[in-house]
Amino acid sequence: MPFEIAIDQSVLDDLQVRLNQTRWPDEVTGSAWGYGSNLDYMKELVEYWRTNFDWRAQEEKLNAFHHFKSKVDGLDIHFIHERGVGPSPMPLVITHGWPSCFFEMTKIIPLLADPASHGGDAADAFDVVAPSLPGFGFSQASNDPGMQVQKVADMWATLMTENLGYPKFSAQGGDIGSGVTSRLGYSHHEKMYGVHLTSVTRPTPYLGPGSRPLTEAEDALVTQRDRWFLDEGGYNHIQGTKPQTLSYGLNDSPAGLAAWIIEKYRTWSDCHGDIESRYTKDELLTIVTIYWVTNSIGSSVRMYKENQSSLWTMAENEKVPAPAGMAMFPQEISRPPREWAERSYDVRRWQEMPRGGHFAALEEPQLLAHEVREFFRPLRD
């Protein structure tokens, strides 16, 4: 059924009170971002949130899209559904990750749904479906264990084929969305035109007896990932082990929530340390505010525990059957070589991107839209 974003004023008033009463920590002199979110920047951002940010204006922009909610496996799932403008639009489900939300897709949706209005070819149009993951934003959370990427992929297949009536569809995603998209290409490949990814993290390829040795580039990837988890993976470990404990603080303090999220946008983007060279304050705060007003940070972070409790590993000589395309952005968290991806996927297109990072749809929508069009063009009926 159609859905409109309309946050109750009492929720916004409560947010204002909490921002006004922020209790700031101290900071190591000269530490900048070295110990985490920088105190000066967070004070500046929260002051803007408190005095200048207009949620109602952002709400109006978001409501310019066609929003819906649909019951999938007993949960109310929120999604944007924009019909393509072209002779034969291809159905496409695009899935975000964490600490992102459906807002990440709002720049790329028009480029994919109506390419002719944005310098492209109408023949490349898509019917774009951009859901919110269960427990993220306006999608209902499950209070039962087991909400990992495999489960969400099954839900998306139901949403696309049964609820929306598409007999066959395509999928694109990054971060958690990459895992969901990959699983769609594995468990539901007979319904898929193909899958397109900006991160290659799942499934773990078969590396057992009889598999070929790691190449030099693959060995470097393993080393890089191990180093990254030591330097940057603290959030991943706590969200994957004790998400409930973390949730109390993030759900109670908007400044704390912002600090937890914003540091990731700075670290994982191609911004050379200047976060606002890639995102405006309004964009950053729209993401944070969506988490705040929907009370969904706790249910979002616990998906890490669910995923780590149910790792997905390829068996010997097994691959994701659906045709796969990959766009590798230079500041992505992990950038495997093509031969690593080919252990688990039928790679039809592999593109090294000139710039951009982890949140590609928000950071470089034109580049990503071009890649999605190019990959799926030969796979259309």
Protein backbone atom coordinates (compact mmCIF):
# COMPACT_ATOMS: atom_id res chain seq x y z
CA MET A 1 0.00 0.00 0.00
CA PRO A 2 1.18 3.60 -0.56
CA PHE A 3 3.18 5.08 2.27
CA GLU A 4 4.05 8.68 3.15
CA ILE A 5 6.80 9.76 5.52
CA ALA A 6 5.23 11.93 8.21
CA ILE A 7 7.14 12.03 11.49
CA ASP A 8 5.10 13.12 14.48
CA GLN A 9 6.10 16.56 15.73
CA SER A 10 6.54 15.23 19.26
CA VAL A 11 9.43 13.06 18.01
CA LEU A 12 11.14 16.07 16.47
CA ASP A 13 10.54 18.14 19.60
CA ASP A 14 12.14 15.43 21.73
CA LEU A 15 15.12 15.36 19.36
CA GLN A 16 15.52 19.10 19.77
CA VAL A 17 15.55 18.80 23.55
CA ARG A 18 18.20 16.09 23.44
CA LEU A 19 20.39 18.07 21.05
CA ASN A 20 20.12 21.10 23.32
CA GLN A 21 21.29 19.01 26.26
CA THR A 22 24.21 17.22 24.60
CA ARG A 23 26.95 16.39 27.10
CA TRP A 24 30.23 16.49 25.21
CA PRO A 25 33.30 14.33 25.92
CA ASP A 26 36.84 15.65 26.10
CA GLU A 27 39.45 14.89 23.45
CA VAL A 28 43.18 14.22 23.13
CA THR A 29 44.87 17.45 22.03
CA GLY A 30 45.64 17.46 18.33
CA SER A 31 44.13 14.03 17.74
CA ALA A 32 41.85 15.23 14.90
CA TRP A 33 40.02 12.04 13.74
CA GLY A 34 42.70 9.67 14.98
CA TYR A 35 40.73 8.49 18.02
CA GLY A 36 37.34 8.54 16.28
CA SER A 37 34.88 11.31 15.44
CA ASN A 38 36.52 14.71 15.85
CA LEU A 39 35.07 16.83 18.66
CA ASP A 40 35.15 20.17 16.81
CA TYR A 41 33.44 18.76 13.76
CA MET A 42 30.78 16.97 15.79
CA LYS A 43 30.01 20.17 17.70
CA GLU A 44 29.68 22.00 14.38
CA LEU A 45 27.44 19.31 12.91
CA VAL A 46 25.20 19.03 15.97
CA GLU A 47 24.86 22.81 16.12
CA TYR A 48 23.71 22.76 12.50
CA TRP A 49 21.32 19.91 13.30
CA ARG A 50 19.98 21.88 16.26
CA THR A 51 19.57 25.27 14.56
CA ASN A 52 19.52 24.93 10.76
CA PHE A 53 18.58 21.44 9.66
CA ASP A 54 15.01 21.28 8.36
CA TRP A 55 13.64 17.75 8.58
CA ARG A 56 10.31 18.79 7.11
CA ALA A 57 12.08 20.02 3.96
CA GLN A 58 13.93 16.71 3.67
CA GLU A 59 10.69 14.84 4.31
CA GLU A 60 9.08 16.70 1.43
CA LYS A 61 11.95 15.79 -0.91
CA LEU A 62 11.77 12.14 0.10
CA ASN A 63 8.02 12.05 -0.42
CA ALA A 64 8.51 13.14 -4.03
CA PHE A 65 9.32 9.46 -4.63
CA HIS A 66 6.64 6.78 -4.66
CA HIS A 67 6.83 5.01 -1.30
CA PHE A 68 5.03 1.82 -0.35
CA LYS A 69 4.82 -0.76 2.39
CA SER A 70 4.15 -4.41 1.73
CA LYS A 71 3.85 -7.43 4.01
CA VAL A 72 6.72 -9.87 3.42
CA ASP A 73 7.11 -12.90 5.68
CA GLY A 74 5.00 -11.15 8.30
CA LEU A 75 6.98 -7.89 8.29
CA ASP A 76 5.94 -4.50 6.89
CA ILE A 77 8.69 -3.71 4.39
CA HIS A 78 9.14 -0.15 3.16
CA PHE A 79 10.34 0.51 -0.37
CA ILE A 80 10.45 3.12 -3.10
CA HIS A 81 9.03 1.92 -6.41
CA GLU A 82 9.72 4.13 -9.41
CA ARG A 83 8.41 2.92 -12.76
CA GLY A 84 10.83 3.17 -15.65
CA VAL A 85 10.35 5.59 -18.54
CA GLY A 86 11.25 3.62 -21.64
CA PRO A 87 10.04 0.99 -24.09
CA SER A 88 10.68 -2.04 -21.83
CA PRO A 89 11.97 -1.22 -18.33
CA MET A 90 13.83 -4.01 -16.55
CA PRO A 91 12.79 -4.63 -12.93
CA LEU A 92 15.70 -3.87 -10.59
CA VAL A 93 15.89 -4.17 -6.81
CA ILE A 94 18.69 -2.09 -5.26
CA THR A 95 19.75 -2.75 -1.68
CA HIS A 96 21.63 -0.49 0.74
CA GLY A 97 23.89 -1.46 3.64
CA TRP A 98 24.93 -0.07 7.03
CA PRO A 99 25.15 2.69 8.24
CA SER A 100 23.28 3.63 5.13
CA CYS A 101 19.55 3.52 4.41
CA PHE A 102 17.23 3.87 1.43
CA PHE A 103 18.21 7.55 1.22
CA GLU A 104 21.52 6.48 -0.34
CA MET A 105 19.60 5.44 -3.45
CA THR A 106 17.67 8.65 -4.02
CA LYS A 107 20.27 10.17 -6.36
CA ILE A 108 20.60 7.09 -8.54
CA ILE A 109 16.93 6.14 -8.78
CA PRO A 110 16.03 8.87 -11.33
CA LEU A 111 19.12 8.03 -13.41
CA LEU A 112 18.06 4.39 -13.66
CA ALA A 113 14.31 4.87 -13.99
CA ASP A 114 14.44 7.68 -16.56
CA PRO A 115 17.86 7.56 -18.27
CA ALA A 116 16.76 9.62 -21.28
CA SER A 117 16.16 12.62 -19.02
CA HIS A 118 19.71 12.32 -17.68
CA GLY A 119 21.81 11.92 -20.82
CA GLY A 120 21.15 8.20 -21.33
CA ASP A 121 19.10 5.92 -23.57
CA ALA A 122 15.45 5.19 -22.76
CA ALA A 123 16.09 1.57 -23.74
CA ASP A 124 18.19 1.26 -20.55
CA ALA A 125 15.30 2.17 -18.24
CA PHE A 126 14.59 0.18 -15.09
CA ASP A 127 11.57 -0.24 -12.85
CA VAL A 128 13.50 0.57 -9.66
CA VAL A 129 12.59 -0.96 -6.30
CA ALA A 130 14.64 0.38 -3.37
CA PRO A 131 13.65 -1.34 -0.12
CA SER A 132 14.73 -0.58 3.40
CA LEU A 133 16.33 -3.64 4.97
CA PRO A 134 14.25 -5.22 7.78
CA GLY A 135 14.86 -3.21 10.94
CA PHE A 136 16.32 -0.26 9.03
CA GLY A 137 14.42 3.01 8.74
CA PHE A 138 10.77 2.51 7.93
CA SER A 139 10.89 -1.28 7.52
CA GLN A 140 9.61 -3.29 10.46
CA ALA A 141 12.22 -5.14 12.52
CA SER A 142 12.04 -8.82 13.31
CA ASN A 143 12.42 -9.69 16.98
CA ASP A 144 13.33 -13.25 16.10
CA PRO A 145 16.92 -14.36 15.41
CA GLY A 146 18.07 -15.22 11.90
CA MET A 147 17.61 -11.98 9.95
CA GLN A 148 20.75 -12.34 7.81
CA VAL A 149 21.44 -11.76 4.11
CA GLN A 150 20.17 -15.21 3.11
CA LYS A 151 16.82 -14.52 4.76
CA VAL A 152 16.53 -11.03 3.25
CA ALA A 153 17.28 -12.38 -0.23
CA ASP A 154 14.34 -14.76 0.10
CA MET A 155 12.18 -11.85 1.24
CA TRP A 156 13.24 -9.70 -1.71
CA ALA A 157 12.44 -12.54 -4.12
CA THR A 158 8.95 -12.70 -2.59
CA LEU A 159 8.57 -8.92 -2.77
CA MET A 160 9.60 -8.74 -6.43
CA THR A 161 7.80 -11.81 -7.80
CA GLU A 162 4.75 -12.35 -5.61
CA ASN A 163 3.97 -8.91 -4.20
CA LEU A 164 4.98 -6.81 -7.21
CA GLY A 165 4.35 -9.42 -9.90
CA TYR A 166 7.66 -9.43 -11.75
CA PRO A 167 8.38 -12.95 -13.06
CA LYS A 168 12.04 -12.05 -13.58
CA PHE A 169 14.17 -9.22 -12.20
CA SER A 170 17.70 -7.94 -11.65
CA ALA A 171 19.51 -6.81 -8.50
CA GLN A 172 22.22 -4.42 -7.41
CA GLY A 173 23.81 -3.68 -4.05
CA GLY A 174 26.79 -2.84 -1.89
CA ASP A 175 27.84 -3.62 1.70
CA ILE A 176 25.05 -5.71 3.30
CA GLY A 177 23.15 -5.11 0.06
CA SER A 178 25.92 -6.88 -1.79
CA GLY A 179 25.40 -9.97 0.33
CA VAL A 180 21.65 -9.84 -0.27
CA THR A 181 22.17 -9.34 -4.00
CA SER A 182 24.68 -12.19 -4.22
CA ARG A 183 22.32 -14.52 -2.40
CA LEU A 184 19.53 -13.59 -4.81
CA GLY A 185 21.83 -14.63 -7.64
CA TYR A 186 22.50 -17.90 -5.85
CA SER A 187 19.16 -19.03 -4.41
CA HIS A 188 16.86 -17.41 -6.98
CA HIS A 189 19.01 -17.38 -10.11
CA GLU A 190 16.22 -18.82 -12.25
CA LYS A 191 14.30 -15.56 -11.65
CA MET A 192 17.31 -13.28 -12.20
CA TYR A 193 18.68 -11.46 -15.24
CA GLY A 194 21.87 -10.90 -13.27
CA VAL A 195 23.43 -9.26 -10.22
CA HIS A 196 25.61 -6.18 -9.96
CA LEU A 197 27.84 -5.47 -6.96
CA THR A 198 30.07 -2.69 -5.64
CA SER A 199 31.59 -4.88 -2.92
CA VAL A 200 32.63 -8.53 -3.07
CA THR A 201 32.48 -9.81 0.50
CA ARG A 202 30.06 -12.75 0.33
CA PRO A 203 30.15 -15.63 -0.26
CA THR A 204 33.59 -16.68 0.94
CA PRO A 205 35.10 -18.66 -1.95
CA TYR A 206 36.17 -22.26 -1.64
CA LEU A 207 39.87 -22.33 -0.72
CA GLY A 208 40.13 -25.97 0.32
CA PRO A 209 42.04 -28.95 -1.12
CA GLY A 210 42.18 -28.89 -4.88
CA SER A 211 41.57 -25.15 -5.25
CA ARG A 212 44.23 -23.19 -7.07
CA PRO A 213 46.79 -21.33 -4.94
CA LEU A 214 46.23 -17.68 -4.13
CA THR A 215 47.73 -15.28 -6.62
CA GLU A 216 49.97 -12.49 -5.40
CA ALA A 217 47.04 -10.04 -5.65
CA GLU A 218 44.74 -12.38 -3.73
CA ASP A 219 47.33 -12.91 -1.03
CA ALA A 220 47.65 -9.12 -0.75
CA LEU A 221 43.87 -8.90 -0.36
CA VAL A 222 43.90 -11.32 2.57
CA THR A 223 46.66 -9.30 4.23
CA GLN A 224 44.82 -6.02 3.57
CA ARG A 225 41.57 -7.34 5.06
CA ASP A 226 43.33 -8.60 8.18
CA ARG A 227 45.04 -5.23 8.63
CA TRP A 228 41.81 -3.35 8.03
CA PHE A 229 39.93 -5.31 10.68
CA LEU A 230 42.68 -4.54 13.19
CA ASP A 231 42.69 -0.81 12.39
CA GLU A 232 39.04 -0.13 11.49
CA GLY A 233 36.96 -3.14 12.43
CA GLY A 234 36.05 -2.34 16.04
CA TYR A 235 32.50 -1.37 15.07
CA ASN A 236 32.14 -4.66 13.21
CA HIS A 237 33.26 -6.71 16.19
CA ILE A 238 30.95 -5.09 18.73
CA GLN A 239 27.97 -5.06 16.35
CA GLY A 240 28.69 -8.68 15.54
CA THR A 241 28.96 -9.77 19.17
CA LYS A 242 27.13 -7.41 21.58
CA PRO A 243 24.83 -5.19 19.48
CA GLN A 244 22.24 -4.87 22.22
CA THR A 245 24.73 -3.31 24.64
CA LEU A 246 25.74 -0.76 22.02
CA SER A 247 22.13 0.07 21.20
CA TYR A 248 21.29 1.68 24.54
CA GLY A 249 23.69 4.58 24.08
CA LEU A 250 23.07 5.10 20.35
CA ASN A 251 19.32 4.99 20.82
CA ASP A 252 19.41 7.53 23.66
CA SER A 253 21.84 10.17 22.40
CA PRO A 254 21.41 11.77 18.97
CA ALA A 255 24.94 13.23 19.18
CA GLY A 256 26.28 9.76 19.97
CA LEU A 257 24.32 8.26 17.09
CA ALA A 258 25.68 10.89 14.72
CA ALA A 259 29.26 10.35 15.87
CA TRP A 260 28.95 6.57 15.35
CA ILE A 261 27.60 6.99 11.80
CA ILE A 262 29.42 10.07 10.51
CA GLU A 263 32.89 8.70 11.20
CA LYS A 264 32.13 5.85 8.77
CA TYR A 265 31.08 8.22 6.02
CA ARG A 266 34.35 10.10 6.39
CA THR A 267 36.56 7.01 6.63
CA TRP A 268 34.92 4.96 3.89
CA SER A 269 34.51 7.68 1.25
CA ASP A 270 36.86 9.12 -1.35
CA CYS A 271 36.97 12.45 0.47
CA HIS A 272 40.65 12.73 1.49
CA GLY A 273 39.56 13.52 5.05
CA ASP A 274 37.09 16.25 4.07
CA ILE A 275 33.68 14.65 4.49
CA GLU A 276 31.79 17.66 3.17
CA SER A 277 33.64 17.51 -0.13
CA ARG A 278 31.42 14.50 -0.87
CA TYR A 279 28.28 15.02 1.23
CA THR A 280 26.41 18.04 2.50
CA LYS A 281 25.45 18.42 6.13
CA ASP A 282 21.82 18.03 5.07
CA GLU A 283 22.57 14.68 3.41
CA LEU A 284 24.49 13.37 6.40
CA LEU A 285 21.87 14.51 8.87
CA THR A 286 19.01 13.11 6.79
CA ILE A 287 20.60 9.66 7.15
CA VAL A 288 21.16 10.07 10.88
CA THR A 289 17.69 11.51 11.42
CA ILE A 290 16.05 8.58 9.62
CA TYR A 291 17.72 6.24 12.09
CA TRP A 292 16.72 8.48 14.99
CA VAL A 293 13.04 9.07 14.20
CA THR A 294 12.44 5.41 13.35
CA ASN A 295 14.19 4.16 16.49
CA SER A 296 16.02 1.66 14.28
CA ILE A 297 19.73 1.83 15.12
CA GLY A 298 19.48 -1.17 17.46
CA SER A 299 17.67 -3.40 14.99
CA SER A 300 20.08 -2.36 12.21
CA VAL A 301 23.32 -3.12 14.05
CA ARG A 302 22.19 -6.52 15.23
CA MET A 303 22.13 -7.69 11.62
CA TYR A 304 25.91 -7.92 11.97
CA LYS A 305 25.51 -10.58 14.65
CA GLU A 306 22.99 -12.44 12.52
CA ASN A 307 25.34 -12.42 9.52
CA GLN A 308 28.34 -13.53 11.56
CA SER A 309 26.30 -16.32 13.10
CA SER A 310 25.47 -17.70 9.66
CA LEU A 311 28.50 -17.33 7.40
CA TRP A 312 28.01 -18.21 3.75
CA THR A 313 30.89 -20.16 2.19
CA MET A 314 31.09 -21.70 -1.27
CA ALA A 315 31.52 -25.44 -1.64
CA GLU A 316 34.10 -26.97 -4.00
CA ASN A 317 33.46 -26.03 -7.66
CA GLU A 318 30.41 -23.97 -6.65
CA LYS A 319 29.61 -20.48 -7.91
CA VAL A 320 26.75 -18.00 -7.82
CA PRO A 321 24.95 -18.99 -11.06
CA ALA A 322 23.51 -15.61 -12.05
CA PRO A 323 25.64 -13.45 -14.38
CA ALA A 324 27.57 -10.93 -12.29
CA GLY A 325 28.98 -7.47 -12.84
CA MET A 326 31.30 -5.64 -10.46
CA ALA A 327 32.21 -1.94 -10.18
CA MET A 328 35.26 -1.54 -7.93
CA PHE A 329 35.53 1.94 -6.43
CA PRO A 330 39.03 2.93 -5.27
CA GLN A 331 38.11 3.79 -1.67
CA GLU A 332 35.92 0.74 -1.10
CA ILE A 333 36.67 -1.02 2.19
CA SER A 334 37.90 -4.12 0.37
CA ARG A 335 38.99 -4.22 -3.27
CA PRO A 336 39.59 -7.80 -4.36
CA PRO A 337 41.25 -8.61 -7.67
CA ARG A 338 39.06 -10.04 -10.42
CA GLU A 339 40.46 -13.54 -9.96
CA TRP A 340 39.18 -13.58 -6.36
CA ALA A 341 35.65 -12.71 -7.51
CA GLU A 342 35.83 -15.33 -10.27
CA ARG A 343 36.20 -18.04 -7.62
CA SER A 344 32.59 -17.39 -6.54
CA TYR A 345 30.89 -15.63 -9.46
CA ASP A 346 30.27 -15.84 -13.18
CA VAL A 347 31.90 -12.45 -13.79
CA ARG A 348 30.68 -10.90 -17.04
CA ARG A 349 31.84 -7.33 -16.41
CA TRP A 350 34.58 -5.98 -14.14
CA GLN A 351 35.22 -2.26 -14.02
CA GLU A 352 37.86 -0.39 -12.02
CA MET A 353 36.23 2.93 -11.21
CA PRO A 354 38.16 6.22 -11.35
CA ARG A 355 36.93 7.63 -8.03
CA GLY A 356 34.47 6.98 -5.23
CA GLY A 357 34.13 4.89 -2.13
CA HIS A 358 31.84 2.67 -0.13
CA PHE A 359 28.59 4.63 -0.56
CA ALA A 360 28.80 4.72 -4.34
CA ALA A 361 25.13 5.41 -5.08
CA LEU A 362 25.26 8.57 -2.98
CA GLU A 363 28.85 9.57 -3.67
CA GLU A 364 29.13 8.85 -7.42
CA PRO A 365 25.61 8.21 -8.72
CA GLN A 366 26.40 9.05 -12.35
CA LEU A 367 29.33 6.64 -12.49
CA LEU A 368 27.41 3.83 -10.83
CA ALA A 369 24.28 4.35 -12.95
CA HIS A 370 26.41 4.13 -16.10
CA GLU A 371 27.93 0.84 -14.94
CA VAL A 372 24.56 -0.65 -14.04
CA ARG A 373 23.16 0.27 -17.46
CA GLU A 374 26.21 -1.13 -19.27
CA PHE A 375 26.17 -4.43 -17.40
CA PHE A 376 22.48 -5.20 -17.77
CA ARG A 377 22.09 -3.99 -21.38
CA PRO A 378 23.08 -7.33 -23.03
CA LEU A 379 21.05 -9.29 -20.45
CA ARG A 380 17.71 -7.72 -21.30
CA ASP A 381 15.05 -9.89 -22.96
